[in-house]
Amino acid sequence: MRERSQVPGKGVSVPVMLALLFLVFLLPCDTVWAGEDTEKRVLKVAFPEVDGFTETDTDGVRHGIVVDYLNEIAKYTG
């Protein structure tokens, strides 16, 4: 009589691999491309007052590390 293999899960690997191949290659998937946005949009973000990070002058000009960070992001995102 033939002995069973001592490797646990050996018989499970083939069905699992076939299921993964089915999921990856055979299921339909849609590709969505972002179109060019011709309209400029305004993004409003919260601006909590925290000393040293976000402050507003008496003239209403905001400054601090968070403002610098958001301005830097705006350079890349428009």
N, C-alpha and C. Protein backbone atom coordinates (compact mmCIF):
# COMPACT_ATOMS: atom_id res chain seq x y z
N MET A 1 0.83 -1.17 0.00
CA MET A 1 0.00 0.00 0.00
C MET A 1 0.88 1.25 0.00
N ARG A 2 0.40 2.28 -0.66
CA ARG A 2 1.17 3.51 -0.82
C ARG A 2 0.98 4.44 0.38
N GLU A 3 2.07 5.05 0.85
CA GLU A 3 1.98 5.95 1.99
C GLU A 3 1.57 7.34 1.53
N ARG A 4 0.87 8.04 2.40
CA ARG A 4 0.49 9.42 2.11
C ARG A 4 1.70 10.34 2.30
N SER A 5 1.69 11.41 1.57
CA SER A 5 2.79 12.37 1.67
C SER A 5 2.74 13.06 3.04
N GLN A 6 3.90 13.35 3.57
CA GLN A 6 3.99 14.00 4.87
C GLN A 6 3.90 15.53 4.76
N VAL A 7 3.83 16.07 3.53
CA VAL A 7 3.76 17.51 3.33
C VAL A 7 2.31 17.95 3.49
N PRO A 8 1.99 18.78 4.50
CA PRO A 8 0.61 19.19 4.69
C PRO A 8 0.17 20.19 3.62
N GLY A 9 -1.04 20.01 3.13
CA GLY A 9 -1.60 20.94 2.16
C GLY A 9 -1.10 20.75 0.75
N LYS A 10 -0.42 19.67 0.45
CA LYS A 10 0.14 19.47 -0.89
C LYS A 10 -0.95 19.36 -1.94
N GLY A 11 -2.04 18.69 -1.61
CA GLY A 11 -3.13 18.51 -2.56
C GLY A 11 -3.99 19.74 -2.74
N VAL A 12 -3.84 20.73 -1.88
CA VAL A 12 -4.66 21.93 -1.94
C VAL A 12 -4.03 22.98 -2.85
N SER A 13 -2.75 22.93 -3.06
CA SER A 13 -2.06 24.00 -3.78
C SER A 13 -2.50 24.11 -5.24
N VAL A 14 -2.78 23.01 -5.91
CA VAL A 14 -3.18 23.06 -7.32
C VAL A 14 -4.54 23.74 -7.49
N PRO A 15 -5.57 23.37 -6.73
CA PRO A 15 -6.86 24.07 -6.87
C PRO A 15 -6.78 25.54 -6.50
N VAL A 16 -5.97 25.85 -5.51
CA VAL A 16 -5.82 27.26 -5.11
C VAL A 16 -5.15 28.05 -6.23
N MET A 17 -4.12 27.51 -6.82
CA MET A 17 -3.43 28.19 -7.93
C MET A 17 -4.37 28.36 -9.12
N LEU A 18 -5.17 27.35 -9.44
CA LEU A 18 -6.13 27.47 -10.54
C LEU A 18 -7.18 28.55 -10.25
N ALA A 19 -7.63 28.62 -9.02
CA ALA A 19 -8.61 29.65 -8.64
C ALA A 19 -7.99 31.04 -8.77
N LEU A 20 -6.75 31.20 -8.34
CA LEU A 20 -6.08 32.50 -8.47
C LEU A 20 -5.88 32.89 -9.93
N LEU A 21 -5.49 31.93 -10.76
CA LEU A 21 -5.35 32.22 -12.18
C LEU A 21 -6.68 32.63 -12.80
N PHE A 22 -7.75 31.96 -12.39
CA PHE A 22 -9.07 32.32 -12.88
C PHE A 22 -9.41 33.75 -12.49
N LEU A 23 -9.17 34.11 -11.24
CA LEU A 23 -9.49 35.45 -10.77
C LEU A 23 -8.67 36.52 -11.46
N VAL A 24 -7.42 36.24 -11.70
CA VAL A 24 -6.53 37.25 -12.27
C VAL A 24 -6.75 37.43 -13.77
N PHE A 25 -6.89 36.34 -14.50
CA PHE A 25 -6.89 36.44 -15.95
C PHE A 25 -8.27 36.35 -16.60
N LEU A 26 -9.21 35.70 -15.99
CA LEU A 26 -10.45 35.44 -16.68
C LEU A 26 -11.61 36.35 -16.28
N LEU A 27 -11.55 36.95 -15.11
CA LEU A 27 -12.62 37.85 -14.71
C LEU A 27 -12.49 39.17 -15.46
N PRO A 28 -13.61 39.69 -15.93
CA PRO A 28 -13.53 40.97 -16.65
C PRO A 28 -13.19 42.11 -15.69
N CYS A 29 -12.42 43.04 -16.18
CA CYS A 29 -12.11 44.22 -15.39
C CYS A 29 -12.15 45.43 -16.31
N ASP A 30 -12.62 46.51 -15.79
CA ASP A 30 -12.72 47.75 -16.55
C ASP A 30 -11.60 48.68 -16.15
N THR A 31 -11.05 49.34 -17.13
CA THR A 31 -10.01 50.33 -16.88
C THR A 31 -10.64 51.71 -16.97
N VAL A 32 -10.41 52.50 -15.97
CA VAL A 32 -10.95 53.85 -15.94
C VAL A 32 -9.79 54.82 -16.03
N TRP A 33 -9.83 55.67 -17.02
CA TRP A 33 -8.79 56.67 -17.20
C TRP A 33 -9.33 58.02 -16.78
N ALA A 34 -8.52 58.77 -16.12
CA ALA A 34 -8.93 60.11 -15.71
C ALA A 34 -8.80 61.04 -16.89
N GLY A 35 -9.85 61.76 -17.17
CA GLY A 35 -9.83 62.73 -18.26
C GLY A 35 -9.23 64.04 -17.78
N GLU A 36 -8.88 64.86 -18.72
CA GLU A 36 -8.35 66.16 -18.38
C GLU A 36 -9.48 67.02 -17.83
N ASP A 37 -9.29 67.58 -16.66
CA ASP A 37 -10.29 68.43 -16.04
C ASP A 37 -10.00 69.86 -16.46
N THR A 38 -10.87 70.40 -17.29
CA THR A 38 -10.65 71.76 -17.78
C THR A 38 -11.13 72.80 -16.79
N GLU A 39 -11.98 72.40 -15.87
CA GLU A 39 -12.52 73.33 -14.89
C GLU A 39 -11.66 73.30 -13.62
N LYS A 40 -11.29 74.47 -13.15
CA LYS A 40 -10.53 74.56 -11.91
C LYS A 40 -11.48 74.44 -10.73
N ARG A 41 -11.12 73.60 -9.77
CA ARG A 41 -11.94 73.43 -8.58
C ARG A 41 -11.16 73.90 -7.36
N VAL A 42 -11.89 74.36 -6.37
CA VAL A 42 -11.28 74.83 -5.13
C VAL A 42 -11.47 73.75 -4.08
N LEU A 43 -10.38 73.40 -3.42
CA LEU A 43 -10.41 72.44 -2.34
C LEU A 43 -10.21 73.19 -1.03
N LYS A 44 -11.19 73.07 -0.16
CA LYS A 44 -11.09 73.75 1.13
C LYS A 44 -10.62 72.73 2.17
N VAL A 45 -9.66 73.14 2.98
CA VAL A 45 -9.13 72.26 4.03
C VAL A 45 -9.28 72.96 5.37
N ALA A 46 -9.37 72.15 6.40
CA ALA A 46 -9.48 72.69 7.76
C ALA A 46 -8.17 73.38 8.14
N PHE A 47 -8.28 74.43 8.91
CA PHE A 47 -7.10 75.18 9.33
C PHE A 47 -7.17 75.48 10.81
N PRO A 48 -6.89 74.49 11.64
CA PRO A 48 -6.93 74.73 13.08
C PRO A 48 -5.73 75.57 13.51
N GLU A 49 -5.93 76.45 14.44
CA GLU A 49 -4.85 77.30 14.94
C GLU A 49 -4.03 76.54 15.97
N VAL A 50 -2.77 76.25 15.63
CA VAL A 50 -1.85 75.58 16.54
C VAL A 50 -0.55 76.36 16.51
N ASP A 51 -0.12 76.85 17.64
CA ASP A 51 1.09 77.68 17.70
C ASP A 51 2.28 76.94 17.11
N GLY A 52 2.95 77.60 16.19
CA GLY A 52 4.15 77.03 15.57
C GLY A 52 3.86 76.22 14.32
N PHE A 53 2.64 75.72 14.17
CA PHE A 53 2.31 74.92 13.00
C PHE A 53 1.41 75.68 12.04
N THR A 54 0.34 76.26 12.56
CA THR A 54 -0.59 77.03 11.74
C THR A 54 -1.02 78.26 12.53
N GLU A 55 -0.71 79.42 11.98
CA GLU A 55 -1.06 80.66 12.65
C GLU A 55 -1.59 81.66 11.63
N THR A 56 -2.39 82.60 12.10
CA THR A 56 -2.91 83.66 11.24
C THR A 56 -2.45 85.00 11.79
N ASP A 57 -1.86 85.84 10.93
CA ASP A 57 -1.43 87.17 11.35
C ASP A 57 -2.64 88.06 11.59
N THR A 58 -2.37 89.25 12.13
CA THR A 58 -3.45 90.22 12.33
C THR A 58 -4.01 90.70 11.00
N ASP A 59 -3.19 90.58 9.92
CA ASP A 59 -3.64 90.97 8.58
C ASP A 59 -4.45 89.86 7.90
N GLY A 60 -4.55 88.69 8.53
CA GLY A 60 -5.29 87.58 7.94
C GLY A 60 -4.44 86.66 7.09
N VAL A 61 -3.13 86.90 7.06
CA VAL A 61 -2.21 86.06 6.29
C VAL A 61 -1.86 84.84 7.12
N ARG A 62 -2.03 83.69 6.54
CA ARG A 62 -1.74 82.44 7.26
C ARG A 62 -0.32 81.99 6.96
N HIS A 63 0.33 81.45 7.99
CA HIS A 63 1.68 80.95 7.82
C HIS A 63 1.92 79.81 8.79
N GLY A 64 2.98 79.08 8.55
CA GLY A 64 3.34 77.95 9.38
C GLY A 64 3.72 76.76 8.52
N ILE A 65 4.14 75.69 9.16
CA ILE A 65 4.64 74.53 8.43
C ILE A 65 3.52 73.84 7.63
N VAL A 66 2.30 73.83 8.16
CA VAL A 66 1.19 73.20 7.44
C VAL A 66 0.86 74.00 6.19
N VAL A 67 0.89 75.32 6.28
CA VAL A 67 0.63 76.17 5.12
C VAL A 67 1.70 75.94 4.05
N ASP A 68 2.95 75.86 4.46
CA ASP A 68 4.03 75.58 3.51
C ASP A 68 3.84 74.23 2.83
N TYR A 69 3.44 73.26 3.60
CA TYR A 69 3.21 71.91 3.07
C TYR A 69 2.06 71.91 2.06
N LEU A 70 0.96 72.56 2.39
CA LEU A 70 -0.18 72.61 1.48
C LEU A 70 0.15 73.39 0.21
N ASN A 71 0.92 74.45 0.33
CA ASN A 71 1.34 75.21 -0.85
C ASN A 71 2.24 74.38 -1.75
N GLU A 72 3.09 73.57 -1.15
CA GLU A 72 3.96 72.69 -1.93
C GLU A 72 3.14 71.65 -2.68
N ILE A 73 2.14 71.07 -2.03
CA ILE A 73 1.25 70.12 -2.70
C ILE A 73 0.51 70.79 -3.84
N ALA A 74 0.08 72.01 -3.65
CA ALA A 74 -0.66 72.73 -4.68
C ALA A 74 0.18 72.95 -5.94
N LYS A 75 1.49 73.03 -5.81
CA LYS A 75 2.36 73.19 -6.98
C LYS A 75 2.24 71.99 -7.91
N TYR A 76 2.07 70.81 -7.35
CA TYR A 76 2.02 69.58 -8.14
C TYR A 76 0.60 69.22 -8.60
N THR A 77 -0.39 69.63 -7.84
CA THR A 77 -1.75 69.23 -8.17
C THR A 77 -2.55 70.32 -8.86
N GLY A 78 -2.02 71.50 -8.92
CA GLY A 78 -2.73 72.57 -9.62
C GLY A 78 -3.36 73.42 -8.66
